[in-house]
C-alpha atoms as a PDB file:
ATOM      1  CA  UNK A   1     110.553  84.680 112.983  1.00  0.00           C
ATOM      2  CA  UNK A   2     107.711  83.170 111.019  1.00  0.00           C
ATOM      3  CA  UNK A   3     104.237  84.234 112.053  1.00  0.00           C
ATOM      4  CA  UNK A   4     102.557  81.330 113.771  1.00  0.00           C
ATOM      5  CA  UNK A   5      98.973  80.373 113.045  1.00  0.00           C
ATOM      6  CA  UNK A   6      98.076  79.590 116.634  1.00  0.00           C
ATOM      7  CA  UNK A   7      96.777  82.674 118.427  1.00  0.00           C
ATOM      8  CA  UNK A   8      99.567  84.777 116.976  1.00  0.00           C
ATOM      9  CA  UNK A   9     102.368  82.857 118.720  1.00  0.00           C
ATOM     10  CA  UNK A  10     105.731  82.759 116.986  1.00  0.00           C
ATOM     11  CA  UNK A  11     107.024  79.515 115.518  1.00  0.00           C
ATOM     12  CA  UNK A  12     110.530  78.593 116.630  1.00  0.00           C
ATOM     13  CA  UNK A  13     111.436  77.062 113.277  1.00  0.00           C
ATOM     14  CA  UNK A  14     112.316  79.465 110.489  1.00  0.00           C
ATOM     15  CA  UNK A  15     113.120  83.122 110.121  1.00  0.00           C
ATOM     16  CA  UNK A  16     111.193  85.841 108.301  1.00  0.00           C
ATOM     17  CA  UNK A  17     114.413  87.762 107.750  1.00  0.00           C
ATOM     18  CA  UNK A  18     115.684  84.905 105.620  1.00  0.00           C
ATOM     19  CA  UNK A  19     112.500  84.821 103.563  1.00  0.00           C
ATOM     20  CA  UNK A  20     112.565  88.550 102.928  1.00  0.00           C
ATOM     21  CA  UNK A  21     116.279  88.511 102.231  1.00  0.00           C
ATOM     22  CA  UNK A  22     115.722  85.743  99.711  1.00  0.00           C
ATOM     23  CA  UNK A  23     113.044  87.811  97.976  1.00  0.00           C
ATOM     24  CA  UNK A  24     115.093  90.985  97.690  1.00  0.00           C
ATOM     25  CA  UNK A  25     118.639  89.560  97.551  1.00  0.00           C
ATOM     26  CA  UNK A  26     118.523  86.307  95.646  1.00  0.00           C
ATOM     27  CA  UNK A  27     121.659  87.124  93.643  1.00  0.00           C
ATOM     28  CA  UNK A  28     123.876  88.544  96.388  1.00  0.00           C
ATOM     29  CA  UNK A  29     125.365  91.977  97.026  1.00  0.00           C
ATOM     30  CA  UNK A  30     127.098  94.502  94.771  1.00  0.00           C
ATOM     31  CA  UNK A  31     125.714  97.106  92.320  1.00  0.00           C
ATOM     32  CA  UNK A  32     125.327  94.685  89.411  1.00  0.00           C
ATOM     33  CA  UNK A  33     123.697  91.988  91.532  1.00  0.00           C
ATOM     34  CA  UNK A  34     121.345  94.518  93.116  1.00  0.00           C
ATOM     35  CA  UNK A  35     120.257  95.598  89.633  1.00  0.00           C
ATOM     36  CA  UNK A  36     119.636  91.933  88.775  1.00  0.00           C
ATOM     37  CA  UNK A  37     117.694  91.567  92.025  1.00  0.00           C
ATOM     38  CA  UNK A  38     115.469  94.506  91.152  1.00  0.00           C
ATOM     39  CA  UNK A  39     114.807  93.277  87.619  1.00  0.00           C
ATOM     40  CA  UNK A  40     114.164  89.747  88.858  1.00  0.00           C
ATOM     41  CA  UNK A  41     111.738  90.954  91.542  1.00  0.00           C
ATOM     42  CA  UNK A  42     109.925  93.187  89.038  1.00  0.00           C
ATOM     43  CA  UNK A  43     109.649  90.324  86.530  1.00  0.00           C
ATOM     44  CA  UNK A  44     108.287  87.964  89.195  1.00  0.00           C
ATOM     45  CA  UNK A  45     105.752  90.578  90.265  1.00  0.00           C
ATOM     46  CA  UNK A  46     104.594  91.113  86.670  1.00  0.00           C
ATOM     47  CA  UNK A  47     104.161  87.376  86.107  1.00  0.00           C
ATOM     48  CA  UNK A  48     102.238  87.025  89.359  1.00  0.00           C
ATOM     49  CA  UNK A  49      99.903  89.906  88.447  1.00  0.00           C
ATOM     50  CA  UNK A  50      99.283  88.393  84.994  1.00  0.00           C
ATOM     51  CA  UNK A  51      98.410  85.076  86.637  1.00  0.00           C
ATOM     52  CA  UNK A  52      96.016  86.720  89.114  1.00  0.00           C
ATOM     53  CA  UNK A  53      94.320  88.680  86.317  1.00  0.00           C
ATOM     54  CA  UNK A  54      93.520  85.422  84.543  1.00  0.00           C
ATOM     55  CA  UNK A  55      92.582  83.169  87.453  1.00  0.00           C
ATOM     56  CA  UNK A  56      89.056  83.101  88.871  1.00  0.00           C
ATOM     57  CA  UNK A  57      89.139  84.202  92.484  1.00  0.00           C
ATOM     58  CA  UNK A  58      87.003  82.197  94.928  1.00  0.00           C
ATOM     59  CA  UNK A  59      83.738  83.527  96.374  1.00  0.00           C
ATOM     60  CA  UNK A  60      84.309  81.892  99.774  1.00  0.00           C
ATOM     61  CA  UNK A  61      87.547  80.905 101.490  1.00  0.00           C
ATOM     62  CA  UNK A  62      88.983  79.772 104.838  1.00  0.00           C
ATOM     63  CA  UNK A  63      89.894  82.652 107.158  1.00  0.00           C
ATOM     64  CA  UNK A  64      92.946  82.679 109.432  1.00  0.00           C
ATOM     65  CA  UNK A  65      92.611  85.285 112.172  1.00  0.00           C
ATOM     66  CA  UNK A  66      95.865  86.563 113.698  1.00  0.00           C
ATOM     67  CA  UNK A  67      96.626  89.486 116.021  1.00  0.00           C
ATOM     68  CA  UNK A  68      98.715  92.258 114.421  1.00  0.00           C
ATOM     69  CA  UNK A  69      98.780  90.545 111.015  1.00  0.00           C
ATOM     70  CA  UNK A  70      98.040  92.310 107.726  1.00  0.00           C
ATOM     71  CA  UNK A  71      98.404  90.882 104.245  1.00  0.00           C
ATOM     72  CA  UNK A  72      98.697  93.454 101.447  1.00  0.00           C
ATOM     73  CA  UNK A  73      98.343  92.715  97.731  1.00  0.00           C
ATOM     74  CA  UNK A  74     101.706  91.566  96.287  1.00  0.00           C
ATOM     75  CA  UNK A  75     103.234  91.181  99.786  1.00  0.00           C
ATOM     76  CA  UNK A  76     104.855  87.978 101.033  1.00  0.00           C
ATOM     77  CA  UNK A  77     103.842  86.595 104.446  1.00  0.00           C
ATOM     78  CA  UNK A  78     105.721  83.600 105.918  1.00  0.00           C
ATOM     79  CA  UNK A  79     103.557  81.485 108.232  1.00  0.00           C
ATOM     80  CA  UNK A  80     104.214  78.583 110.593  1.00  0.00           C
ATOM     81  CA  UNK A  81     101.231  76.214 110.791  1.00  0.00           C
ATOM     82  CA  UNK A  82     100.922  73.897 113.789  1.00  0.00           C
ATOM     83  CA  UNK A  83      97.464  74.290 115.343  1.00  0.00           C
ATOM     84  CA  UNK A  84      95.294  71.235 114.410  1.00  0.00           C
ATOM     85  CA  UNK A  85      92.455  73.240 112.813  1.00  0.00           C
ATOM     86  CA  UNK A  86      94.873  75.158 110.601  1.00  0.00           C
ATOM     87  CA  UNK A  87      96.664  71.947 109.630  1.00  0.00           C
ATOM     88  CA  UNK A  88      93.278  70.699 108.387  1.00  0.00           C
ATOM     89  CA  UNK A  89      92.698  74.006 106.631  1.00  0.00           C
ATOM     90  CA  UNK A  90      96.085  73.910 104.913  1.00  0.00           C
ATOM     91  CA  UNK A  91      95.558  70.351 103.685  1.00  0.00           C
ATOM     92  CA  UNK A  92      92.171  71.260 102.228  1.00  0.00           C
ATOM     93  CA  UNK A  93      93.455  74.456 100.606  1.00  0.00           C
ATOM     94  CA  UNK A  94      96.414  72.674  98.991  1.00  0.00           C
ATOM     95  CA  UNK A  95      94.022  70.115  97.512  1.00  0.00           C
ATOM     96  CA  UNK A  96      91.882  72.934  96.107  1.00  0.00           C
ATOM     97  CA  UNK A  97      92.907  76.361  94.791  1.00  0.00           C
ATOM     98  CA  UNK A  98      95.596  77.369  97.377  1.00  0.00           C
ATOM     99  CA  UNK A  99      93.700  80.502  98.476  1.00  0.00           C
ATOM    100  CA  UNK A 100      92.854  81.637 101.996  1.00  0.00           C
ATOM    101  CA  UNK A 101      92.403  84.920 103.866  1.00  0.00           C
ATOM    102  CA  UNK A 102      94.535  86.411 106.630  1.00  0.00           C
ATOM    103  CA  UNK A 103      92.565  88.819 108.812  1.00  0.00           C
ATOM    104  CA  UNK A 104      93.626  90.862 111.826  1.00  0.00           C
ATOM    105  CA  UNK A 105      91.929  90.046 115.105  1.00  0.00           C
ATOM    106  CA  UNK A 106      89.892  93.057 116.254  1.00  0.00           C
ATOM    107  CA  UNK A 107      91.621  94.570 119.313  1.00  0.00           C
ATOM    108  CA  UNK A 108      89.963  94.076 122.684  1.00  0.00           C
ATOM    109  CA  UNK A 109      87.871  91.082 121.612  1.00  0.00           C
ATOM    110  CA  UNK A 110      88.225  87.844 123.583  1.00  0.00           C
ATOM    111  CA  UNK A 111      86.532  85.667 120.981  1.00  0.00           C
ATOM    112  CA  UNK A 112      87.862  85.256 117.470  1.00  0.00           C
ATOM    113  CA  UNK A 113      86.649  88.362 115.626  1.00  0.00           C
ATOM    114  CA  UNK A 114      88.398  89.087 112.329  1.00  0.00           C
ATOM    115  CA  UNK A 115      88.506  92.599 110.903  1.00  0.00           C
ATOM    116  CA  UNK A 116      86.012  93.088 108.090  1.00  0.00           C
ATOM    117  CA  UNK A 117      88.682  94.109 105.555  1.00  0.00           C
ATOM    118  CA  UNK A 118      91.426  91.522 105.116  1.00  0.00           C
ATOM    119  CA  UNK A 119      93.933  90.149 102.619  1.00  0.00           C
ATOM    120  CA  UNK A 120      93.299  87.250 100.244  1.00  0.00           C
ATOM    121  CA  UNK A 121      96.472  85.238  99.709  1.00  0.00           C
ATOM    122  CA  UNK A 122      97.780  82.494  97.452  1.00  0.00           C
ATOM    123  CA  UNK A 123     100.156  79.858  98.806  1.00  0.00           C
ATOM    124  CA  UNK A 124     103.386  80.147  96.822  1.00  0.00           C
ATOM    125  CA  UNK A 125     105.476  77.654  98.816  1.00  0.00           C
ATOM    126  CA  UNK A 126     104.490  75.061 101.431  1.00  0.00           C
ATOM    127  CA  UNK A 127     106.899  72.735 103.234  1.00  0.00           C
ATOM    128  CA  UNK A 128     105.498  70.035 105.523  1.00  0.00           C
ATOM    129  CA  UNK A 129     107.414  68.437 108.388  1.00  0.00           C
ATOM    130  CA  UNK A 130     107.325  64.958 109.922  1.00  0.00           C
ATOM    131  CA  UNK A 131     105.589  66.256 113.043  1.00  0.00           C
ATOM    132  CA  UNK A 132     102.644  67.528 110.999  1.00  0.00           C
ATOM    133  CA  UNK A 133     103.578  71.203 111.100  1.00  0.00           C
ATOM    134  CA  UNK A 134     104.276  73.258 107.994  1.00  0.00           C
ATOM    135  CA  UNK A 135     106.035  76.390 106.852  1.00  0.00           C
ATOM    136  CA  UNK A 136     104.527  78.313 103.979  1.00  0.00           C
ATOM    137  CA  UNK A 137     104.807  81.599 102.152  1.00  0.00           C
ATOM    138  CA  UNK A 138     101.562  83.346 101.319  1.00  0.00           C
ATOM    139  CA  UNK A 139     101.445  86.081  98.689  1.00  0.00           C
ATOM    140  CA  UNK A 140      98.770  88.752  98.840  1.00  0.00           C
ATOM    141  CA  UNK A 141      96.340  88.821  95.934  1.00  0.00           C
ATOM    142  CA  UNK A 142      93.622  91.335  96.815  1.00  0.00           C
ATOM    143  CA  UNK A 143      91.874  93.350  99.484  1.00  0.00           C
ATOM    144  CA  UNK A 144      88.624  91.662 100.388  1.00  0.00           C
ATOM    145  CA  UNK A 145      85.593  92.343 102.547  1.00  0.00           C
ATOM    146  CA  UNK A 146      84.540  89.415 104.721  1.00  0.00           C
ATOM    147  CA  UNK A 147      80.872  88.597 104.364  1.00  0.00           C
ATOM    148  CA  UNK A 148      78.581  85.787 105.557  1.00  0.00           C
ATOM    149  CA  UNK A 149      80.165  83.081 107.718  1.00  0.00           C
ATOM    150  CA  UNK A 150      79.651  79.713 106.039  1.00  0.00           C
ATOM    151  CA  UNK A 151      80.996  77.641 108.934  1.00  0.00           C
ATOM    152  CA  UNK A 152      83.075  77.947 112.105  1.00  0.00           C
ATOM    153  CA  UNK A 153      84.329  74.370 112.501  1.00  0.00           C
ATOM    154  CA  UNK A 154      86.787  72.851 112.031  1.00  0.00           C
ATOM    155  CA  UNK A 155      87.940  76.276 110.812  1.00  0.00           C
ATOM    156  CA  UNK A 156      86.226  79.507 109.800  1.00  0.00           C
ATOM    157  CA  UNK A 157      85.030  79.841 106.188  1.00  0.00           C
ATOM    158  CA  UNK A 158      83.454  83.078 104.929  1.00  0.00           C
ATOM    159  CA  UNK A 159      82.197  84.594 101.737  1.00  0.00           C
ATOM    160  CA  UNK A 160      84.355  87.396 100.344  1.00  0.00           C
ATOM    161  CA  UNK A 161      83.948  90.426  98.094  1.00  0.00           C
ATOM    162  CA  UNK A 162      87.039  91.715  96.290  1.00  0.00           C
ATOM    163  CA  UNK A 163      87.558  95.426  96.930  1.00  0.00           C
ATOM    164  CA  UNK A 164      88.687  97.514  93.950  1.00  0.00           C
ATOM    165  CA  UNK A 165      90.623 100.782  93.977  1.00  0.00           C
ATOM    166  CA  UNK A 166      88.507 103.561  92.411  1.00  0.00           C
ATOM    167  CA  UNK A 167      89.936 105.746  89.595  1.00  0.00           C
ATOM    168  CA  UNK A 168      92.252 108.541  90.724  1.00  0.00           C
ATOM    169  CA  UNK A 169      94.083 111.640  89.501  1.00  0.00           C
ATOM    170  CA  UNK A 170      97.349 110.263  88.128  1.00  0.00           C
ATOM    171  CA  UNK A 171      99.302 113.496  88.571  1.00  0.00           C
ATOM    172  CA  UNK A 172      98.381 113.739  92.246  1.00  0.00           C
ATOM    173  CA  UNK A 173      99.039 110.110  93.141  1.00  0.00           C
ATOM    174  CA  UNK A 174     102.358 110.112  91.257  1.00  0.00           C
ATOM    175  CA  UNK A 175     103.491 113.104  93.314  1.00  0.00           C
ATOM    176  CA  UNK A 176     102.383 111.441  96.546  1.00  0.00           C
ATOM    177  CA  UNK A 177     104.164 108.202  95.605  1.00  0.00           C
ATOM    178  CA  UNK A 178     107.342 110.210  95.006  1.00  0.00           C
ATOM    179  CA  UNK A 179     107.018 111.628  98.536  1.00  0.00           C
ATOM    180  CA  UNK A 180     106.656 108.084  99.916  1.00  0.00           C
ATOM    181  CA  UNK A 181     109.883 107.077  98.142  1.00  0.00           C
ATOM    182  CA  UNK A 182     111.619 110.147  99.574  1.00  0.00           C
ATOM    183  CA  UNK A 183     110.497 109.327 103.124  1.00  0.00           C
ATOM    184  CA  UNK A 184     111.532 105.693 102.707  1.00  0.00           C
ATOM    185  CA  UNK A 185     115.026 106.847 101.742  1.00  0.00           C
ATOM    186  CA  UNK A 186     115.150 109.227 104.718  1.00  0.00           C
ATOM    187  CA  UNK A 187     114.107 106.377 106.996  1.00  0.00           C
ATOM    188  CA  UNK A 188     117.009 104.273 105.752  1.00  0.00           C
ATOM    189  CA  UNK A 189     119.412 107.188 106.215  1.00  0.00           C
ATOM    190  CA  UNK A 190     118.208 107.501 109.811  1.00  0.00           C
ATOM    191  CA  UNK A 191     119.297 103.908 110.370  1.00  0.00           C
ATOM    192  CA  UNK A 192     115.837 102.674 111.340  1.00  0.00           C
ATOM    193  CA  UNK A 193     115.594  98.915 110.734  1.00  0.00           C
ATOM    194  CA  UNK A 194     112.657  97.239 109.092  1.00  0.00           C
ATOM    195  CA  UNK A 195     110.186  96.121 111.770  1.00  0.00           C
ATOM    196  CA  UNK A 196     111.067  92.416 111.889  1.00  0.00           C
ATOM    197  CA  UNK A 197     110.241  92.353 115.594  1.00  0.00           C
ATOM    198  CA  UNK A 198     106.599  92.668 114.582  1.00  0.00           C
ATOM    199  CA  UNK A 199     106.805  89.058 113.439  1.00  0.00           C
ATOM    200  CA  UNK A 200     109.434  87.651 115.811  1.00  0.00           C
ATOM    201  CA  UNK A 201     110.448  87.453 119.416  1.00  0.00           C
ATOM    202  CA  UNK A 202     112.366  90.202 121.185  1.00  0.00           C
ATOM    203  CA  UNK A 203     115.352  87.885 121.383  1.00  0.00           C
ATOM    204  CA  UNK A 204     115.283  87.359 117.631  1.00  0.00           C
ATOM    205  CA  UNK A 205     115.009  91.084 117.004  1.00  0.00           C
ATOM    206  CA  UNK A 206     117.960  91.803 119.289  1.00  0.00           C
ATOM    207  CA  UNK A 207     120.009  89.206 117.446  1.00  0.00           C
ATOM    208  CA  UNK A 208     119.284  90.533 113.974  1.00  0.00           C
ATOM    209  CA  UNK A 209     122.380  91.280 111.948  1.00  0.00           C
ATOM    210  CA  UNK A 210     122.696  95.053 111.257  1.00  0.00           C
ATOM    211  CA  UNK A 211     124.379  94.349 107.922  1.00  0.00           C
ATOM    212  CA  UNK A 212     121.568  91.987 106.938  1.00  0.00           C
ATOM    213  CA  UNK A 213     118.794  94.416 107.843  1.00  0.00           C
ATOM    214  CA  UNK A 214     120.612  97.318 106.160  1.00  0.00           C
ATOM    215  CA  UNK A 215     121.013  95.264 102.996  1.00  0.00           C
ATOM    216  CA  UNK A 216     117.326  94.361 102.928  1.00  0.00           C
ATOM    217  CA  UNK A 217     116.281  97.968 103.590  1.00  0.00           C
ATOM    218  CA  UNK A 218     118.543  99.233 100.800  1.00  0.00           C
ATOM    219  CA  UNK A 219     117.186  96.643  98.368  1.00  0.00           C
ATOM    220  CA  UNK A 220     113.644  97.554  99.386  1.00  0.00           C
ATOM    221  CA  UNK A 221     114.335 101.233  98.603  1.00  0.00           C
ATOM    222  CA  UNK A 222     115.751 100.319  95.189  1.00  0.00           C
ATOM    223  CA  UNK A 223     112.863  97.966  94.421  1.00  0.00           C
ATOM    224  CA  UNK A 224     110.265 100.585  95.391  1.00  0.00           C
ATOM    225  CA  UNK A 225     112.082 103.128  93.189  1.00  0.00           C
ATOM    226  CA  UNK A 226     111.646 100.758  90.233  1.00  0.00           C
ATOM    227  CA  UNK A 227     107.875 100.428  90.686  1.00  0.00           C
ATOM    228  CA  UNK A 228     105.781 102.465  88.262  1.00  0.00           C
ATOM    229  CA  UNK A 229     102.363 101.869  89.809  1.00  0.00           C
ATOM    230  CA  UNK A 230     101.690 104.139  92.843  1.00  0.00           C
ATOM    231  CA  UNK A 231      99.309 101.561  94.300  1.00  0.00           C
ATOM    232  CA  UNK A 232     102.082  98.963  94.449  1.00  0.00           C
ATOM    233  CA  UNK A 233     104.318 101.543  96.131  1.00  0.00           C
ATOM    234  CA  UNK A 234     101.694 102.314  98.779  1.00  0.00           C
ATOM    235  CA  UNK A 235     100.956  98.688  99.617  1.00  0.00           C
ATOM    236  CA  UNK A 236     104.536  97.411  99.559  1.00  0.00           C
ATOM    237  CA  UNK A 237     105.859 100.198 101.782  1.00  0.00           C
ATOM    238  CA  UNK A 238     102.911  99.925 104.183  1.00  0.00           C
ATOM    239  CA  UNK A 239     103.347  96.190 104.632  1.00  0.00           C
ATOM    240  CA  UNK A 240     107.139  96.191 104.855  1.00  0.00           C
ATOM    241  CA  UNK A 241     107.848  99.358 106.832  1.00  0.00           C
ATOM    242  CA  UNK A 242     105.030 100.467 109.130  1.00  0.00           C
ATOM    243  CA  UNK A 243     105.630  99.185 112.636  1.00  0.00           C
ATOM    244  CA  UNK A 244     102.129  99.798 114.007  1.00  0.00           C
ATOM    245  CA  UNK A 245      99.600  97.068 113.271  1.00  0.00           C
ATOM    246  CA  UNK A 246      96.770  99.600 113.661  1.00  0.00           C
ATOM    247  CA  UNK A 247      98.367 101.867 111.056  1.00  0.00           C
ATOM    248  CA  UNK A 248      98.880  98.981 108.644  1.00  0.00           C
ATOM    249  CA  UNK A 249      95.244  97.945 109.043  1.00  0.00           C
ATOM    250  CA  UNK A 250      94.109 101.523 108.462  1.00  0.00           C
ATOM    251  CA  UNK A 251      96.024 101.566 105.159  1.00  0.00           C
ATOM    252  CA  UNK A 252      94.618  98.169 104.186  1.00  0.00           C
ATOM    253  CA  UNK A 253      91.072  99.462 104.744  1.00  0.00           C
ATOM    254  CA  UNK A 254      91.605 102.617 102.643  1.00  0.00           C
ATOM    255  CA  UNK A 255      90.451 102.059  99.064  1.00  0.00           C
ATOM    256  CA  UNK A 256      90.919 105.578  97.677  1.00  0.00           C
ATOM    257  CA  UNK A 257      94.536 105.630  96.529  1.00  0.00           C
ATOM    258  CA  UNK A 258      95.109 109.345  97.086  1.00  0.00           C
ATOM    259  CA  UNK A 259      93.826 109.085 100.655  1.00  0.00           C
ATOM    260  CA  UNK A 260      95.867 105.906 101.162  1.00  0.00           C
ATOM    261  CA  UNK A 261      99.085 107.593 100.080  1.00  0.00           C
ATOM    262  CA  UNK A 262      98.402 110.674 102.213  1.00  0.00           C
ATOM    263  CA  UNK A 263      97.798 108.461 105.256  1.00  0.00           C
ATOM    264  CA  UNK A 264     100.957 106.512 104.546  1.00  0.00           C
ATOM    265  CA  UNK A 265     102.987 109.731 104.353  1.00  0.00           C
ATOM    266  CA  UNK A 266     101.498 110.834 107.676  1.00  0.00           C
ATOM    267  CA  UNK A 267     102.232 107.483 109.317  1.00  0.00           C
ATOM    268  CA  UNK A 268     105.811 107.370 107.995  1.00  0.00           C
ATOM    269  CA  UNK A 269     106.475 110.857 109.344  1.00  0.00           C
ATOM    270  CA  UNK A 270     104.921 110.012 112.706  1.00  0.00           C
ATOM    271  CA  UNK A 271     107.025 106.870 113.101  1.00  0.00           C
ATOM    272  CA  UNK A 272     110.191 108.731 112.094  1.00  0.00           C
ATOM    273  CA  UNK A 273     109.401 111.438 114.648  1.00  0.00           C
ATOM    274  CA  UNK A 274     108.753 108.779 117.288  1.00  0.00           C
ATOM    275  CA  UNK A 275     112.288 107.489 116.652  1.00  0.00           C
ATOM    276  CA  UNK A 276     113.904 110.904 116.896  1.00  0.00           C
ATOM    277  CA  UNK A 277     113.624 111.984 113.296  1.00  0.00           C
ATOM    278  CA  UNK A 278     113.203 115.563 112.112  1.00  0.00           C
ATOM    279  CA  UNK A 279     109.687 116.941 112.155  1.00  0.00           C
ATOM    280  CA  UNK A 280     108.256 118.023 108.805  1.00  0.00           C
ATOM    281  CA  UNK A 281     105.563 120.404 107.762  1.00  0.00           C
ATOM    282  CA  UNK A 282     102.512 118.441 106.637  1.00  0.00           C
ATOM    283  CA  UNK A 283     101.562 119.194 103.072  1.00  0.00           C
END
């Protein structure tokens, strides 16, 4: 289901599976169509990156704080907006530059306390309804560090600092990215579904079509195999595959790409072992 913007509740209208399926399977099944899907997705990603490279990112933005939510660069996050303050936020953002931040609520805090490292997103699609609610798809643009709070009402606005990935050893990160692709393939072979239940209700997860989830997982594996940039591999797999919100947030907060990939490999192995997979020697 779509992630709701009110205290992490799930919106009853809409389905994240459909949004993800549309992203990876716009042209249907079959070997030829899957190849078209991969090329189409890669072309869209390139165009989006070119746009982001040329646009001036804001220095302060509204912040939406949600439990268990992480927004990685390039990732797509469907949201259901119905809380009054976030309706106001959405209207203001759509009139301006379409940017806002999604931050994970710090565990154990009763008051709204967003994690310091979060994801800046750009609204790609927004559909309003007669009752004032909206569905939208947010695409991740950058990791950011939340800074000074500008205001709390009617919604939180904070200054942000874009976080850059430092230079890395290309040979090492390429080898680590290859290991991530290998583990992703093994995960699919084990029959582990993508963690849609992270975003939906238990009932929705139980009703998910096995053929649909298998198709999306297979297309994800093929799309990741087509990516040349190890950083895109790390972020896409982390956002789409890791079931643990704490593990996803740990990856989001890791700027060094080599360390990020090594953590991702560890987390993938741990989750596979938790689901009965074969234990591996850590490299």
